Protein backbone atom coordinates (compact mmCIF):
# COMPACT_ATOMS: atom_id res chain seq x y z
CA GLY A 1 54.25 -23.56 39.09
CA ALA A 2 53.04 -20.14 37.66
CA ARG A 3 49.02 -20.86 37.66
CA GLU A 4 48.20 -17.15 38.04
CA THR A 5 50.63 -16.49 35.00
CA PHE A 6 49.20 -18.76 33.29
CA GLU A 7 45.47 -17.96 33.66
CA ASN A 8 45.64 -14.18 32.92
CA TYR A 9 47.87 -15.34 29.72
CA TYR A 10 44.75 -17.48 28.97
CA ARG A 11 42.24 -14.73 29.67
CA LYS A 12 44.21 -11.61 27.54
CA GLN A 13 44.64 -14.23 24.63
CA ARG A 14 40.57 -15.06 24.61
CA ARG A 15 39.75 -11.67 24.91
CA LYS A 16 41.87 -11.47 21.76
CA GLN A 17 40.88 -14.12 20.00
CA ALA A 18 36.78 -13.09 20.96
CA ARG A 19 37.37 -9.83 19.16
CA LEU A 20 38.32 -11.27 15.87
CA VAL A 21 35.40 -13.38 16.18
CA LEU A 22 32.96 -10.80 16.75
CA GLN A 23 34.04 -9.27 13.74
CA PRO A 24 32.23 -9.50 10.79
CA PRO A 25 33.03 -10.10 7.02
CA SER A 26 32.10 -6.75 5.29
CA ASN A 27 30.12 -8.27 2.60
CA MET A 28 27.63 -10.45 5.86
CA HIS A 29 24.75 -9.09 4.40
CA GLU A 30 24.46 -10.52 1.01
CA THR A 31 24.10 -14.07 1.65
CA LEU A 32 22.54 -16.46 5.12
CA ASP A 33 25.73 -17.84 4.98
CA GLY A 34 27.46 -15.05 5.92
CA TYR A 35 25.59 -14.88 9.07
CA ARG A 36 25.84 -18.40 9.72
CA LYS A 37 29.37 -18.26 9.64
CA TYR A 38 29.69 -15.10 11.90
CA PHE A 39 26.92 -16.53 14.10
CA ASN A 40 29.03 -20.00 14.65
CA GLN A 41 32.09 -18.77 15.58
CA ILE A 42 30.63 -17.15 18.10
CA VAL A 43 28.63 -19.83 19.59
CA GLY A 44 31.83 -21.90 19.21
CA PHE A 45 33.83 -19.62 21.31
CA PHE A 46 31.45 -19.66 24.35
CA VAL A 47 30.62 -22.92 23.87
CA VAL A 48 34.56 -23.80 24.75
CA GLU A 49 34.42 -20.94 27.60
CA ASP A 50 31.17 -22.71 29.34
CA HIS A 51 32.96 -26.10 29.08
CA ILE A 52 36.26 -25.27 30.29
CA LEU A 53 34.15 -23.07 33.58
CA HIS A 54 33.18 -26.90 34.31
CA THR A 55 35.62 -28.97 33.78
CA THR A 56 38.66 -26.96 35.15
CA GLN A 57 39.40 -25.17 38.44
CA GLY A 58 39.76 -21.71 38.31
CA LEU A 59 40.67 -21.42 34.82
CA VAL A 60 37.80 -18.83 34.03
CA ASN A 61 34.80 -17.91 36.29
CA ARG A 62 31.85 -16.74 35.87
CA ALA A 63 32.21 -12.77 36.55
CA TYR A 64 34.85 -13.37 33.52
CA ILE A 65 32.32 -14.83 31.25
CA ASP A 66 29.34 -12.75 31.88
CA GLU A 67 32.30 -9.66 30.87
CA LEU A 68 33.18 -11.20 27.48
CA TRP A 69 29.48 -12.19 26.84
CA GLU A 70 28.39 -8.51 27.74
CA MET A 71 30.35 -6.97 25.20
CA ALA A 72 30.50 -9.97 22.54
CA LEU A 73 26.44 -8.93 22.97
CA SER A 74 27.33 -5.10 22.46
CA LYS A 75 29.24 -6.31 19.33
CA THR A 76 26.98 -8.61 18.17
CA ILE A 77 23.92 -6.73 17.87
CA ALA A 78 25.64 -3.42 16.54
CA ALA A 79 26.96 -5.49 13.63
CA LEU A 80 23.52 -6.92 13.13
CA ARG A 81 21.95 -3.96 13.22
CA THR A 82 24.19 -2.88 10.59
CA HIS A 83 24.28 -5.03 8.45
CA SER A 84 20.47 -6.15 8.44
CA SER A 85 19.77 -2.20 7.14
CA TYR A 86 21.47 -3.14 4.23
CA CYS A 87 18.98 -6.29 2.97
CA SER A 88 16.17 -5.63 0.73
CA ASP A 89 15.19 -8.98 0.21
CA PRO A 90 12.11 -9.99 3.09
CA SER A 91 12.94 -13.83 2.49
CA LEU A 92 16.78 -12.92 3.54
CA VAL A 93 15.54 -10.88 6.57
CA LEU A 94 13.24 -13.46 7.83
CA ASP A 95 15.53 -15.96 7.47
CA LEU A 96 18.07 -13.80 9.46
CA LYS A 97 15.16 -14.09 11.81
CA ASN A 98 15.16 -17.49 12.24
CA LEU A 99 19.00 -17.78 12.19
CA ILE A 100 18.97 -15.09 15.49
CA VAL A 101 16.54 -17.06 16.98
CA LEU A 102 18.22 -20.44 16.99
CA PHE A 103 21.60 -18.31 17.94
CA ALA A 104 19.40 -17.03 21.24
CA ASP A 105 18.11 -20.26 21.79
CA THR A 106 21.44 -21.98 21.64
CA LEU A 107 23.58 -19.80 23.97
CA GLN A 108 20.35 -19.50 26.18
CA GLY A 109 20.65 -23.15 26.79
CA TYR A 110 23.97 -22.18 27.82
CA GLY A 111 23.18 -19.92 30.38
CA PHE A 112 23.74 -16.96 28.71
CA PRO A 113 20.94 -14.21 28.84
CA VAL A 114 19.83 -13.23 25.25
CA ASN A 115 16.88 -10.51 25.99
CA GLN A 116 18.59 -7.80 24.22
CA LEU A 117 18.79 -10.06 21.25
CA PHE A 118 15.19 -10.65 20.99
CA ASP A 119 14.67 -7.01 22.03
CA MET A 120 16.93 -6.42 18.54
CA LEU A 121 14.28 -8.24 16.56
CA LEU A 122 11.48 -5.96 17.26
CA GLU A 123 14.11 -3.92 14.96
CA ILE A 124 14.86 -5.94 12.56
CA GLN A 125 10.67 -6.64 12.44
CA ASP A 126 10.69 -3.25 10.92
CA GLN A 127 12.93 -3.73 8.68
CA TYR A 128 11.17 -7.16 7.37
CA SER A 129 7.89 -4.99 6.96
CA GLU A 130 9.84 -2.31 5.16
CA THR A 131 11.20 -4.74 2.61
CA LEU A 132 7.75 -6.08 2.50
CA LEU A 133 6.23 -2.44 1.90
CA LYS A 134 8.61 -2.15 -1.07
CA LYS A 135 7.62 -5.13 -2.70
CA TRP A 136 4.14 -5.07 -2.64
CA SER A 137 3.90 -1.49 -3.26
CA GLY A 138 5.41 -2.68 -6.96
CA VAL A 139 2.84 -5.74 -7.16
CA PHE A 140 -0.22 -3.09 -6.40
CA ARG A 141 1.39 -1.02 -9.18
CA ASN A 142 1.50 -3.51 -11.68
CA ILE A 143 -2.31 -4.77 -10.77
CA LEU A 144 -2.96 -0.70 -11.85
CA ASP A 145 -0.90 -0.94 -14.88
CA SER A 146 -2.43 -4.11 -16.13
CA ASP A 147 -5.94 -3.48 -15.30
CA ASN A 148 -8.24 -3.20 -18.32
CA TYR A 149 -11.18 -1.38 -16.06
CA SER A 150 -13.74 -2.82 -17.45
CA PRO A 151 -16.19 -5.43 -15.63
CA ILE A 152 -15.82 -8.53 -15.26
CA PRO A 153 -17.47 -11.06 -17.60
CA VAL A 154 -18.80 -14.07 -16.92
CA THR A 155 -19.64 -17.26 -19.31
CA ASN A 156 -20.74 -19.81 -16.75
CA GLU A 157 -21.24 -21.44 -13.38
CA GLU A 158 -17.57 -22.20 -12.77
CA VAL A 159 -16.15 -19.43 -13.82
CA TYR A 160 -18.91 -17.08 -11.51
CA LYS A 161 -17.95 -19.15 -8.55
CA LYS A 162 -14.21 -19.11 -8.78
CA ILE A 163 -14.48 -14.88 -8.99
CA VAL A 164 -16.91 -15.39 -5.68
CA GLY A 165 -14.19 -17.41 -4.00
CA GLN A 166 -11.68 -14.87 -4.43
CA PHE A 167 -13.43 -12.04 -3.59
CA PRO A 168 -16.11 -11.82 -0.69
CA PHE A 169 -19.41 -10.76 -2.97
CA GLN A 170 -22.99 -11.32 -2.74
CA ASP A 171 -25.43 -10.12 -4.97
CA ALA A 172 -28.95 -12.06 -5.09
CA GLU A 173 -29.71 -9.93 -8.24
CA LEU A 174 -26.75 -10.75 -9.95
CA GLU A 175 -27.03 -14.45 -9.30
CA LYS A 176 -30.80 -14.53 -10.60
CA GLN A 177 -29.57 -13.32 -13.94
CA PRO A 178 -28.52 -15.59 -17.18
CA PHE A 179 -24.98 -16.40 -18.34
CA PRO A 180 -23.46 -14.59 -20.03
CA LYS A 181 -23.52 -11.73 -17.23
CA LYS A 182 -20.58 -9.55 -15.97
CA PHE A 183 -18.98 -8.78 -12.54
CA PRO A 184 -19.69 -4.85 -11.53
CA PHE A 185 -15.87 -4.91 -10.71
CA SER A 186 -12.92 -5.00 -12.63
CA GLU A 187 -10.10 -7.69 -12.53
CA PHE A 188 -8.15 -5.29 -10.22
CA VAL A 189 -10.39 -6.16 -7.00
CA PRO A 190 -10.44 -9.64 -6.65
CA LYS A 191 -6.14 -9.62 -7.61
CA VAL A 192 -5.82 -6.83 -4.69
CA TYR A 193 -7.89 -8.61 -2.24
CA ASN A 194 -5.60 -11.48 -2.84
CA GLN A 195 -2.48 -9.26 -2.94
CA ILE A 196 -3.70 -7.82 0.76
CA LYS A 197 -4.10 -11.09 2.11
CA GLU A 198 -0.46 -12.40 0.93
CA PHE A 199 0.81 -9.04 2.77
CA ILE A 200 -0.84 -10.72 6.26
CA TYR A 201 0.40 -14.07 5.71
CA ALA A 202 4.03 -12.29 5.25
CA CYS A 203 4.28 -10.17 7.66
CA LEU A 204 3.23 -12.53 10.12
CA LYS A 205 5.65 -15.21 9.10
CA PHE A 206 8.12 -12.93 11.13
CA SER A 207 6.12 -13.17 14.45
CA GLU A 208 6.51 -17.23 14.28
CA ASP A 209 8.45 -19.08 17.06
CA LEU A 210 9.43 -15.38 18.67
CA HIS A 211 9.80 -15.55 22.38
CA LEU A 212 8.03 -12.62 22.54
CA ARG A 213 5.37 -11.55 25.24
CA SER A 214 2.16 -12.19 23.53
CA GLY A 215 1.20 -8.32 24.03
CA MET A 216 4.28 -7.67 21.72
CA THR A 217 3.30 -10.08 18.64
CA SER A 218 -0.24 -8.73 18.91
CA ALA A 219 0.58 -5.35 18.40
CA PHE A 220 2.97 -6.17 15.45
CA ARG A 221 0.20 -8.05 13.96
CA ALA A 222 -2.03 -5.48 14.31
CA ARG A 223 0.14 -2.96 13.07
CA SER A 224 1.71 -5.21 9.95
CA SER A 225 -2.00 -5.32 8.69
CA TYR A 226 -3.08 -1.63 9.17
CA LYS A 227 0.37 -0.69 8.07
CA LEU A 228 -0.30 -2.19 4.84
CA ALA A 229 -3.61 -0.53 4.03
CA SER A 230 -2.61 3.17 5.24
CA VAL A 231 0.62 2.99 3.60
CA ASN A 232 1.51 0.00 1.14
CA LEU A 233 -1.80 0.54 -1.00
CA ALA A 234 -1.85 4.18 -0.81
CA ARG A 235 1.51 4.25 -2.55
CA PRO A 236 0.38 3.92 -6.01
CA TRP A 237 -2.71 6.10 -5.99
CA ARG A 238 -1.00 8.90 -4.33
CA GLN A 239 1.76 8.47 -7.11
CA GLU A 240 1.53 11.06 -10.00
CA HIS A 241 2.42 7.70 -12.25
CA HIS A 242 -1.65 6.71 -11.56
CA LEU A 243 -3.82 9.00 -11.49
CA SER A 244 -1.97 11.75 -14.01
CA ILE A 245 -3.04 9.13 -16.80
CA PRO A 246 -5.44 10.21 -19.13
CA PHE A 247 -8.18 8.53 -17.65
CA LEU A 248 -11.64 8.16 -19.85
CA PRO A 249 -14.37 8.76 -17.43
CA LEU A 250 -16.05 5.15 -18.31
CA GLN A 251 -12.31 4.08 -16.34
CA LEU A 252 -12.69 6.30 -13.53
CA VAL A 253 -16.47 5.59 -13.05
CA GLN A 254 -15.23 1.89 -12.92
CA ILE A 255 -12.08 3.22 -10.50
CA ILE A 256 -14.77 4.55 -8.25
CA ILE A 257 -17.09 1.25 -8.34
CA ASN A 258 -13.52 -0.79 -7.54
CA THR A 259 -12.61 0.89 -4.86
CA THR A 260 -16.36 1.17 -3.39
CA HIS A 261 -16.07 -2.65 -3.43
CA LEU A 262 -12.55 -2.90 -1.85
CA GLU A 263 -13.80 -0.80 1.23
CA LYS A 264 -16.65 -2.88 1.60
CA SER A 265 -14.59 -5.94 1.76
CA CYS A 266 -12.38 -4.02 4.93
CA LYS A 267 -14.76 -5.98 7.11
CA PHE A 268 -13.64 -9.59 5.57
CA LEU A 269 -10.14 -8.68 5.74
CA GLU A 270 -10.81 -7.49 9.74
CA GLU A 271 -12.37 -10.91 10.03
CA PHE A 272 -9.26 -12.71 8.26
CA ILE A 273 -6.72 -11.05 10.24
CA THR A 274 -8.74 -12.31 13.61
CA ASN A 275 -9.17 -15.85 12.51
CA ILE A 276 -5.16 -16.33 11.65
CA THR A 277 -4.02 -14.32 14.12
CA ASN A 278 -6.35 -14.72 16.91
CA VAL A 279 -6.37 -11.37 18.31
CA LEU A 280 -9.97 -9.90 18.76
CA PRO A 281 -10.80 -7.66 16.52
CA GLU A 282 -11.46 -4.60 19.12
CA THR A 283 -7.43 -4.44 19.21
CA VAL A 284 -6.87 -4.36 15.15
CA HIS A 285 -10.16 -1.74 14.60
CA THR A 286 -6.99 0.07 13.09
CA THR A 287 -7.25 -2.48 10.34
CA LYS A 288 -10.62 -1.03 9.14
CA LEU A 289 -10.10 2.12 10.24
CA TYR A 290 -6.76 2.77 7.96
CA GLY A 291 -8.27 0.25 4.75
CA THR A 292 -11.37 2.15 4.75
CA THR A 293 -9.67 5.61 4.86
CA THR A 294 -7.70 4.35 1.66
CA PHE A 295 -10.12 3.12 -0.24
CA LYS A 296 -11.76 6.26 0.48
CA ASP A 297 -9.14 8.42 -0.15
CA ALA A 298 -8.67 6.43 -3.86
CA ARG A 299 -12.59 6.54 -4.94
CA HIS A 300 -12.22 10.75 -4.10
CA ALA A 301 -8.83 10.95 -6.29
CA ALA A 302 -10.70 8.73 -9.08
CA GLU A 303 -13.51 11.85 -8.55
CA GLU A 304 -11.70 14.94 -8.49
CA GLU A 305 -9.63 13.50 -11.79
CA ILE A 306 -13.10 13.51 -13.63
CA TYR A 307 -14.01 17.03 -12.49
CA THR A 308 -10.21 18.12 -13.23
CA ASN A 309 -10.80 15.55 -16.99
CA LEU A 310 -14.45 17.55 -17.52
CA ASN A 311 -12.95 21.44 -17.17
CA GLN A 312 -9.94 20.57 -18.84
CA LYS A 313 -12.14 19.15 -21.80
CA ILE A 314 -14.42 22.50 -21.75
CA ASP A 315 -11.58 24.32 -22.15
CA GLN A 316 -10.16 22.60 -25.04
CA PHE A 317 -13.97 23.36 -26.33
CA LEU A 318 -13.99 26.86 -25.06
CA GLN A 319 -10.74 27.60 -27.28
CA LEU A 320 -12.36 26.93 -30.34
CA ALA A 321 -14.96 30.17 -29.40
CA ASP A 322 -14.42 32.60 -32.22
CA TYR A 323 -16.82 35.63 -31.05
CA ASP A 324 -17.41 38.66 -33.24
CA TRP A 325 -17.56 40.83 -30.98
CA MET A 326 -18.57 43.95 -33.55
CA ALA A 327 -21.24 41.83 -35.40
CA MET A 328 -24.14 44.00 -36.11
CA GLU A 329 -26.71 40.90 -35.88
CA PRO A 330 -26.64 37.61 -33.96
CA GLY A 331 -26.68 34.03 -35.49
CA SER A 332 -29.50 32.21 -35.53
CA LYS A 333 -28.36 29.53 -32.92
CA ALA A 334 -25.86 29.10 -30.52
CA SER A 335 -22.13 28.65 -31.31
CA ASP A 336 -21.34 25.37 -32.98
CA TYR A 337 -18.07 25.05 -30.30
CA LEU A 338 -21.16 25.02 -27.75
CA VAL A 339 -23.35 23.21 -29.39
CA ASP A 340 -20.21 20.63 -29.46
CA LEU A 341 -19.46 20.45 -25.98
CA ILE A 342 -22.98 20.14 -24.48
CA GLY A 343 -22.90 17.06 -27.10
CA PHE A 344 -19.53 15.85 -25.58
CA LEU A 345 -20.97 16.44 -22.01
CA ARG A 346 -23.90 14.65 -22.41
CA SER A 347 -22.34 11.73 -23.48
CA THR A 348 -20.42 12.21 -20.64
CA PHE A 349 -22.97 11.75 -17.81
CA ALA A 350 -25.16 9.49 -19.90
CA VAL A 351 -21.76 7.04 -18.61
CA PHE A 352 -22.93 7.67 -15.10
CA THR A 353 -26.25 6.39 -15.89
CA HIS A 354 -26.02 2.79 -17.29
CA LEU A 355 -23.29 1.58 -14.41
CA PRO A 356 -23.27 -2.36 -14.31
CA GLY A 357 -23.69 -4.46 -11.29
CA ASP A 358 -25.29 -3.46 -7.89
CA VAL A 359 -28.14 -1.12 -8.19
CA ASP A 360 -28.73 0.21 -4.77
CA VAL A 361 -24.41 0.87 -4.42
CA HIS A 362 -23.82 2.11 -7.90
CA SER A 363 -27.16 4.20 -8.87
CA THR A 364 -26.39 6.25 -5.25
CA MET A 365 -22.77 6.63 -5.80
CA SER A 366 -22.60 7.57 -9.49
CA GLY A 367 -25.74 10.20 -9.09
CA LYS A 368 -23.66 11.97 -6.35
CA VAL A 369 -20.51 11.87 -8.89
CA ALA A 370 -22.54 12.88 -11.48
CA GLN A 371 -24.46 15.73 -9.94
CA THR A 372 -20.77 17.30 -8.45
CA ALA A 373 -19.58 16.76 -12.06
CA CYS A 374 -22.21 18.09 -13.79
CA MET A 375 -22.27 21.42 -10.91
CA SER A 376 -18.50 21.53 -11.30
CA ALA A 377 -18.43 21.61 -15.09
CA CYS A 378 -21.18 24.48 -14.88
CA LYS A 379 -19.69 26.44 -12.68
CA HIS A 380 -16.27 25.71 -14.67
CA LEU A 381 -18.23 27.03 -18.05
CA SER A 382 -19.87 29.57 -16.52
CA THR A 383 -16.95 31.11 -14.90
CA SER A 384 -14.73 30.92 -18.38
CA LEU A 385 -17.47 32.64 -20.53
CA MET A 386 -17.71 35.07 -18.35
CA GLN A 387 -14.05 35.55 -18.56
CA LEU A 388 -14.13 35.58 -22.33
CA LEU A 389 -16.74 38.64 -22.35
CA LEU A 390 -14.29 40.68 -19.57
CA GLU A 391 -10.99 39.97 -21.59
CA ALA A 392 -9.13 43.40 -21.59
CA GLU A 393 -8.70 42.80 -25.73
CA VAL A 394 -12.72 43.11 -25.92
CA ARG A 395 -12.97 46.72 -25.88
CA GLN A 396 -16.33 47.41 -27.55
CA LEU A 397 -19.20 45.35 -27.81
CA THR A 398 -22.35 45.16 -30.16
CA LEU A 399 -26.07 44.45 -28.97
CA GLY A 400 -25.79 41.46 -31.95
CA ALA A 401 -22.27 40.37 -30.53
CA LEU A 402 -24.31 40.29 -26.81
CA GLN A 403 -27.76 38.63 -28.26
CA GLN A 404 -25.04 36.01 -30.30
CA PHE A 405 -23.52 35.54 -26.45
CA ASN A 406 -26.75 35.55 -25.29
CA LEU A 407 -27.93 32.72 -27.29
CA ASP A 408 -25.35 30.23 -25.81
CA VAL A 409 -25.94 30.93 -22.34
CA GLU A 410 -29.36 30.18 -23.17
CA GLU A 411 -28.39 26.95 -24.76
CA CYS A 412 -26.18 26.00 -21.64
CA GLU A 413 -28.87 26.62 -19.30
CA ARG A 414 -31.85 24.82 -21.69
């Protein structure tokens, strides 16, 4: 005879129980089981309420359940947003996505609206993308660090086909050459190319089984691919760790060759993304844009490093210059330090004229780099020589000293 009192009591108690169920454990983000237990509690609570709605008269009604669910949904999303942000393991983030999809599907089956959960998955996919970026940034850095910056030697057809299977490379001239022979690029190229594909596969795993509008899924797929090129692959190149290493000119030339081949491979990556996503190339044109830009930036960084290294080396030779500005007679030949410097420059530029591989690509590229390096070196050397002559300490000059200095300038011109 106290039905109304009992109904009020029941609803009040269940609201309290709901709040307990919706309180996540502090370490929930550490394991998948933590999330699973949390979701199971919530599902259990609302399955019971749904059962009571359909098997009793008036104890609960749809308005009461909708109100409870709205409160539960906001608290669940807030908890997931907080805890997922602590996660640094992409595998755990991916497993969490699958759990959320199961959780949402289950409750949707009982008539509860779950669109907000799928909207939140867009946030979690950004978190997943960030964890992937961190992971692959380390992968690319390890490849850079372990590379020997030497063309890949091949001794037989089996090894040749294996490399070509890993990286899209065709060169009719190289195919005709007898074994042993060398690919123009180092191990870095096929390793990076394959890791790019692995990264894209990992990105796309998130969009599997998602009930998103196809436009959203396509947008994520496109974004995942260009984010790799623009952010992740660029990181190791832009960090001081990499190109601040004192590379030899030959190594820097190899980096230029490597990045040229990777830039050319971007069209194959574009086809790869199209094939596995069924997204038209014009939708993911950003892949090509960002990928080629990244490799161009890397190549330009290597080129700049060549010019910088040459100028630093010129400075080291110039420190050995010891002019006697009061000499009465000039020497019979150019100064030793300058002869040694020109010998060094000659051997350095010889590196550019003995590049392996594709003549059309590399001769043009090495010629451009060699010309720019030569111009840069000449400009730096002439400026430095002028500074030697105009130093404040040099207060007086003899004709003999000027004639010796002129011998050195003529040697440079020659």
